[in-house]
Amino acid sequence: MHNVFHQFTIMNVSDLRIGSFTRRSKNDTFPIMNITCAILAGGYSTRMGQDKATLEIHGKTLIRYVFEKVEKVFRDIVIISSNDSHSAFKDINAPIIKDVMPVHGPVVGIASALLYSKNTYVFACACDMPFIHENTIRYMVDAINGEDIIIPKTGKGYEPLHALYNRSCISHILTSIERNHLNIRGIFPALTVKALNDHPSFYNNGHSVFMNINTTEDLEILREM
């Protein structure tokens, strides 16, 4: 039986073991073994004039900021990028997985991560989220109950680049890309989606953990903090 949840269907799964995914105790703080974390490093940004992964704050690249946060949570971390020899990745201990097709957009990065992963779930995040925090990620992982997608929803809408995706999404995403529908939200009606509404863990020292760097002004504000 399916229930309506934010206009999408949600599975009611009570068993602790869902496929090959075993739910954690909420008291667990050790690195999560059975979820892959995929950092999406999409490439050159026309608005920034360079690859966002290479942007630096206080001598550290943005992707390094993100990696150091997610490695506190996950054991299995990969970087998804069209450039597998990027200088920004050389000191990061994570394999680089190339996009599975030459189509620009984060939905391709999500598909690439899901196809690569041997785990049931992938946590996908952007490489330019300086306020990303482990508490937010653990809160989301604790919310897993068999859904296809677990995604934060704030007053600004859904946050698809800070979300958990089940490998059950693969065929839907590939079909969407084939049809040139590159907005990940387009697959939501066909899947079970759990939307996580605004929560204290969505903020890091007063800043949204979902904030990303889109302009040089954003970068300068961060550099002055």
Protein backbone atom coordinates (compact mmCIF):
# COMPACT_ATOMS: atom_id res chain seq x y z
CA MET A 1 0.00 0.00 0.00
CA HIS A 2 1.35 3.42 -0.96
CA ASN A 3 0.65 6.68 0.78
CA VAL A 4 0.69 10.15 -0.76
CA PHE A 5 3.62 12.25 0.53
CA HIS A 6 4.28 15.68 -0.97
CA GLN A 7 2.32 14.57 -4.09
CA PHE A 8 4.64 11.56 -4.60
CA THR A 9 4.22 7.99 -3.40
CA ILE A 10 6.17 6.75 -0.40
CA MET A 11 6.85 3.12 0.44
CA ASN A 12 5.99 1.84 3.89
CA VAL A 13 8.86 -0.52 4.66
CA SER A 14 9.26 -1.70 8.22
CA ASP A 15 11.96 -4.33 7.72
CA LEU A 16 15.42 -3.13 8.77
CA ARG A 17 17.02 -4.74 5.72
CA ILE A 18 15.97 -3.18 2.42
CA GLY A 19 17.61 -4.93 -0.51
CA SER A 20 21.29 -4.94 0.38
CA PHE A 21 20.93 -1.81 2.53
CA THR A 22 20.88 -2.18 6.32
CA ARG A 23 19.53 0.73 8.29
CA ARG A 24 21.82 2.19 10.94
CA SER A 25 21.06 2.85 14.55
CA LYS A 26 20.63 6.58 15.14
CA ASN A 27 23.45 6.35 17.65
CA ASP A 28 25.95 5.22 15.02
CA THR A 29 28.62 7.81 14.23
CA PHE A 30 31.29 5.70 12.53
CA PRO A 31 31.87 5.96 8.75
CA ILE A 32 28.97 4.52 6.77
CA MET A 33 30.09 1.53 4.73
CA ASN A 34 27.03 0.70 2.62
CA ILE A 35 26.33 4.05 0.95
CA THR A 36 28.51 5.55 -1.77
CA CYS A 37 29.19 9.27 -1.63
CA ALA A 38 29.58 10.91 -5.03
CA ILE A 39 31.03 14.41 -5.24
CA LEU A 40 29.86 15.93 -8.51
CA ALA A 41 32.62 18.05 -10.08
CA GLY A 42 30.85 19.14 -13.22
CA GLY A 43 33.61 21.08 -14.91
CA TYR A 44 34.05 24.58 -16.29
CA SER A 45 31.66 27.28 -15.02
CA THR A 46 31.04 30.09 -17.50
CA ARG A 47 29.84 32.41 -14.73
CA MET A 48 32.93 31.80 -12.60
CA GLY A 49 35.37 31.67 -15.52
CA GLN A 50 36.94 28.43 -14.27
CA ASP A 51 36.14 25.01 -12.86
CA LYS A 52 34.38 25.39 -9.50
CA ALA A 53 36.39 22.49 -8.06
CA THR A 54 39.55 24.61 -8.36
CA LEU A 55 38.17 27.67 -6.56
CA GLU A 56 40.11 28.37 -3.37
CA ILE A 57 39.11 29.73 0.03
CA HIS A 58 41.95 30.38 2.46
CA GLY A 59 44.33 28.24 0.45
CA LYS A 60 42.02 25.25 0.15
CA THR A 61 39.98 24.22 -2.90
CA LEU A 62 36.21 23.98 -2.61
CA ILE A 63 36.26 20.30 -3.47
CA ARG A 64 38.75 19.71 -0.65
CA TYR A 65 36.35 21.43 1.79
CA VAL A 66 33.56 19.11 0.66
CA PHE A 67 35.73 15.98 0.70
CA GLU A 68 36.95 16.61 4.25
CA LYS A 69 33.35 16.86 5.45
CA VAL A 70 31.97 13.79 3.69
CA GLU A 71 34.92 11.58 4.64
CA LYS A 72 33.75 11.94 8.26
CA VAL A 73 30.56 10.15 7.24
CA PHE A 74 31.33 7.79 4.35
CA ARG A 75 33.98 5.18 3.66
CA ASP A 76 33.19 4.84 -0.05
CA ILE A 77 33.72 8.22 -1.77
CA VAL A 78 34.12 8.92 -5.49
CA ILE A 79 34.50 12.05 -7.60
CA ILE A 80 32.37 12.27 -10.74
CA SER A 81 33.97 14.44 -13.40
CA SER A 82 34.42 14.72 -17.14
CA ASN A 83 38.10 15.47 -16.44
CA ASP A 84 39.82 12.53 -14.73
CA SER A 85 43.24 14.21 -14.64
CA HIS A 86 42.21 17.41 -12.89
CA SER A 87 44.93 19.02 -10.76
CA ALA A 88 42.36 19.84 -8.05
CA PHE A 89 41.87 16.10 -7.42
CA LYS A 90 45.50 15.03 -7.07
CA ASP A 91 45.64 15.22 -3.27
CA ILE A 92 42.18 13.75 -2.68
CA ASN A 93 42.09 10.06 -1.84
CA ALA A 94 39.09 9.09 -3.96
CA PRO A 95 38.72 7.45 -7.38
CA ILE A 96 37.63 9.67 -10.24
CA ILE A 97 34.75 8.33 -12.32
CA LYS A 98 34.13 9.87 -15.72
CA ASP A 99 30.62 10.82 -16.81
CA VAL A 100 28.96 7.93 -18.62
CA MET A 101 27.90 10.14 -21.53
CA PRO A 102 29.00 13.46 -23.04
CA VAL A 103 25.95 15.37 -21.89
CA HIS A 104 26.37 18.41 -19.67
CA GLY A 105 24.37 18.48 -16.45
CA PRO A 106 24.37 17.13 -12.89
CA VAL A 107 21.77 14.49 -13.77
CA VAL A 108 24.49 12.75 -15.83
CA GLY A 109 26.80 12.83 -12.82
CA ILE A 110 24.10 11.24 -10.66
CA ALA A 111 23.53 8.52 -13.26
CA SER A 112 27.28 7.88 -13.50
CA ALA A 113 27.56 7.49 -9.73
CA LEU A 114 24.61 5.09 -9.53
CA LEU A 115 25.97 2.95 -12.36
CA TYR A 116 29.39 2.79 -10.68
CA SER A 117 28.19 2.10 -7.15
CA LYS A 118 27.88 -1.41 -5.77
CA ASN A 119 25.79 -0.04 -2.89
CA THR A 120 22.04 0.38 -2.87
CA TYR A 121 22.20 4.11 -2.18
CA VAL A 122 24.35 6.99 -3.41
CA PHE A 123 24.61 10.31 -1.61
CA ALA A 124 25.20 12.88 -4.36
CA CYS A 125 26.54 16.33 -3.53
CA ALA A 126 28.03 19.24 -5.44
CA CYS A 127 31.70 20.12 -5.18
CA ASP A 128 30.97 23.77 -4.36
CA MET A 129 29.04 23.53 -1.06
CA PRO A 130 31.35 25.11 1.53
CA PHE A 131 28.87 24.79 4.41
CA ILE A 132 28.05 21.11 3.92
CA HIS A 133 27.91 19.39 7.30
CA GLU A 134 28.04 15.81 8.54
CA ASN A 135 25.01 16.31 10.83
CA THR A 136 22.79 17.05 7.84
CA ILE A 137 23.99 13.98 6.00
CA ARG A 138 23.50 11.68 8.99
CA TYR A 139 20.00 13.09 9.52
CA MET A 140 19.16 12.21 5.92
CA VAL A 141 20.66 8.72 6.14
CA ASP A 142 18.63 8.05 9.29
CA ALA A 143 15.49 8.93 7.31
CA ILE A 144 15.98 6.13 4.76
CA ASN A 145 13.10 3.67 4.81
CA GLY A 146 13.23 2.06 1.39
CA GLU A 147 12.42 5.10 -0.75
CA ASP A 148 13.97 5.71 -4.17
CA ILE A 149 15.01 9.26 -3.31
CA ILE A 150 15.51 11.06 0.01
CA ILE A 151 15.82 14.79 -0.61
CA PRO A 152 15.77 17.99 1.46
CA LYS A 153 13.06 20.53 0.70
CA THR A 154 13.38 24.11 1.91
CA GLY A 155 11.54 27.31 1.12
CA LYS A 156 13.61 27.49 -2.07
CA GLY A 157 12.47 24.05 -3.20
CA TYR A 158 14.18 20.68 -3.54
CA GLU A 159 17.94 20.22 -3.14
CA PRO A 160 18.82 17.51 -5.71
CA LEU A 161 22.56 18.08 -5.32
CA HIS A 162 22.46 17.10 -1.65
CA ALA A 163 20.28 14.01 -1.85
CA LEU A 164 20.24 10.22 -1.55
CA TYR A 165 19.40 8.15 -4.63
CA ASN A 166 18.61 4.43 -4.78
CA ARG A 167 20.00 2.44 -7.71
CA SER A 168 16.36 1.81 -8.61
CA CYS A 169 16.50 5.32 -10.15
CA ILE A 170 18.96 4.30 -12.87
CA SER A 171 16.57 3.33 -15.65
CA HIS A 172 14.35 6.36 -15.03
CA ILE A 173 17.30 8.76 -15.12
CA LEU A 174 18.80 7.22 -18.27
CA THR A 175 15.44 7.39 -20.03
CA SER A 176 15.09 11.02 -18.98
CA ILE A 177 18.56 11.87 -20.33
CA GLU A 178 17.82 10.04 -23.58
CA ARG A 179 14.76 12.28 -23.99
CA ASN A 180 16.91 15.34 -23.22
CA HIS A 181 14.98 15.98 -20.01
CA LEU A 182 17.89 16.99 -17.80
CA ASN A 183 16.03 18.20 -14.71
CA ILE A 184 16.21 15.44 -12.09
CA ARG A 185 12.84 16.52 -10.70
CA GLY A 186 11.24 15.17 -13.87
CA ILE A 187 11.60 11.59 -12.64
CA PHE A 188 10.00 12.23 -9.24
CA PRO A 189 6.41 11.27 -10.18
CA ALA A 190 7.56 7.80 -11.26
CA LEU A 191 9.46 7.07 -8.03
CA THR A 192 9.00 6.98 -4.27
CA VAL A 193 10.35 10.25 -2.92
CA LYS A 194 10.76 11.28 0.70
CA ALA A 195 11.00 15.05 1.03
CA LEU A 196 12.66 16.21 4.24
CA ASN A 197 11.27 19.57 5.26
CA ASP A 198 13.28 22.39 6.80
CA HIS A 199 15.28 21.11 9.79
CA PRO A 200 17.87 22.62 12.21
CA SER A 201 20.57 20.42 10.67
CA PHE A 202 20.09 22.26 7.38
CA TYR A 203 22.07 25.20 8.80
CA ASN A 204 25.74 25.58 9.64
CA ASN A 205 26.50 28.64 11.77
CA GLY A 206 23.47 30.38 10.32
CA HIS A 207 24.29 29.49 6.70
CA SER A 208 22.33 27.03 4.59
CA VAL A 209 24.36 23.85 4.07
CA PHE A 210 22.92 23.79 0.54
CA MET A 211 24.49 27.09 -0.46
CA ASN A 212 26.77 26.79 -3.47
CA ILE A 213 29.10 29.17 -5.24
CA ASN A 214 27.53 30.66 -8.37
CA THR A 215 29.18 34.07 -8.69
CA THR A 216 32.48 35.75 -7.92
CA GLU A 217 30.57 37.79 -5.34
CA ASP A 218 29.62 34.57 -3.50
CA LEU A 219 33.27 33.57 -3.47
CA GLU A 220 34.47 36.93 -2.16
CA ILE A 221 31.92 36.85 0.69
CA LEU A 222 33.25 33.46 1.74
CA ARG A 223 36.86 34.61 1.53
CA GLU A 224 36.06 37.50 3.88
CA MET A 225 34.49 35.24 6.53
